[in-house]
Amino acid sequence: MCAVFLLGGFITAFLTLALIASTMTVSGNMAGNVSVISMLYTLSAVAGPLFAGAAMKATHADALMWFTAAAAVVMAWVLSMGIGAKTASSN
């Protein structure tokens, strides 16, 4: 049960990282970037439970936690690839 709470905390951390990244874009449109992130987060907060309920009905409740963990790994990988590309281009 503790793993579920940790996983939820890690997923929430991606919102913070997305907001930080949206303020550091080269476009200079910080307000627009943060607005888009906020709207997408709100949309996912509404649609997420609907999809999660359907997934839990179709499979098993434990499958949802594994899917969430896999999504977190993919997001961390994408984030690390973006950071690596920025580091390489700045050198």
Protein backbone atom coordinates (compact mmCIF):
# COMPACT_ATOMS: atom_id res chain seq x y z
CA MET A 1 0.00 0.00 0.00
CA CYS A 2 2.91 2.35 0.70
CA ALA A 3 4.12 1.87 -2.88
CA VAL A 4 0.83 3.24 -4.20
CA PHE A 5 1.26 6.46 -2.22
CA LEU A 6 4.88 6.81 -3.33
CA LEU A 7 3.89 6.24 -6.95
CA GLY A 8 1.19 8.90 -6.66
CA GLY A 9 3.71 11.34 -5.25
CA PHE A 10 6.15 10.67 -8.05
CA ILE A 11 3.47 11.16 -10.70
CA THR A 12 2.49 14.49 -9.12
CA ALA A 13 6.13 15.58 -9.27
CA PHE A 14 5.93 15.46 -13.07
CA LEU A 15 3.44 18.35 -12.95
CA THR A 16 5.97 20.44 -11.08
CA LEU A 17 8.70 19.52 -13.56
CA ALA A 18 6.39 20.33 -16.48
CA LEU A 19 5.62 23.75 -15.04
CA ILE A 20 9.30 24.48 -14.52
CA ALA A 21 10.12 23.33 -18.05
CA SER A 22 7.30 25.44 -19.51
CA THR A 23 8.80 28.58 -18.00
CA MET A 24 12.21 27.87 -19.53
CA THR A 25 11.26 27.49 -23.18
CA VAL A 26 12.92 29.57 -25.85
CA SER A 27 9.58 30.81 -27.18
CA GLY A 28 9.30 33.28 -24.31
CA ASN A 29 5.57 32.70 -23.98
CA MET A 30 5.63 31.69 -20.32
CA ALA A 31 1.98 32.57 -19.59
CA GLY A 32 0.75 30.61 -22.60
CA ASN A 33 2.90 27.58 -21.78
CA VAL A 34 1.78 27.47 -18.14
CA SER A 35 -1.86 27.89 -19.25
CA VAL A 36 -1.59 24.92 -21.61
CA ILE A 37 0.01 22.75 -18.90
CA SER A 38 -2.72 23.76 -16.43
CA MET A 39 -5.52 22.99 -18.90
CA LEU A 40 -4.02 19.61 -19.80
CA TYR A 41 -3.64 18.76 -16.12
CA THR A 42 -7.27 19.69 -15.48
CA LEU A 43 -8.45 17.63 -18.44
CA SER A 44 -6.43 14.63 -17.27
CA ALA A 45 -7.83 15.01 -13.74
CA VAL A 46 -11.33 14.68 -15.19
CA ALA A 47 -10.69 12.02 -17.83
CA GLY A 48 -8.17 9.98 -15.83
CA PRO A 49 -10.60 8.48 -13.32
CA LEU A 50 -13.01 7.60 -16.12
CA PHE A 51 -10.32 5.68 -18.01
CA ALA A 52 -8.99 4.17 -14.78
CA GLY A 53 -12.44 2.88 -13.83
CA ALA A 54 -12.87 1.31 -17.25
CA ALA A 55 -9.40 -0.25 -17.09
CA MET A 56 -10.03 -1.66 -13.63
CA LYS A 57 -13.35 -3.17 -14.78
CA ALA A 58 -11.76 -4.67 -17.89
CA THR A 59 -8.73 -6.11 -16.10
CA HIS A 60 -7.82 -6.14 -12.43
CA ALA A 61 -7.23 -3.29 -9.99
CA ASP A 62 -3.54 -4.23 -9.66
CA ALA A 63 -3.06 -3.79 -13.40
CA LEU A 64 -3.80 -0.08 -13.01
CA MET A 65 -0.89 0.37 -10.59
CA TRP A 66 1.47 -1.42 -12.99
CA PHE A 67 0.26 0.72 -15.89
CA THR A 68 0.80 3.87 -13.81
CA ALA A 69 4.30 2.69 -12.89
CA ALA A 70 5.09 2.03 -16.55
CA ALA A 71 3.79 5.48 -17.51
CA ALA A 72 6.00 7.05 -14.83
CA VAL A 73 9.05 5.23 -16.20
CA VAL A 74 8.27 6.41 -19.74
CA MET A 75 7.79 10.02 -18.55
CA ALA A 76 11.07 9.88 -16.62
CA TRP A 77 12.84 8.52 -19.70
CA VAL A 78 11.39 11.26 -21.93
CA LEU A 79 12.38 13.88 -19.37
CA SER A 80 15.92 12.52 -19.13
CA MET A 81 16.24 12.48 -22.93
CA GLY A 82 15.15 16.13 -23.06
CA ILE A 83 17.61 17.12 -20.35
CA GLY A 84 20.39 15.20 -22.09
CA ALA A 85 19.64 16.93 -25.40
CA LYS A 86 19.67 20.37 -23.78
CA THR A 87 22.96 19.62 -22.02
CA ALA A 88 24.57 18.40 -25.26
CA SER A 89 23.36 21.42 -27.24
CA SER A 90 24.60 23.93 -24.65
CA ASN A 91 28.15 22.52 -24.72
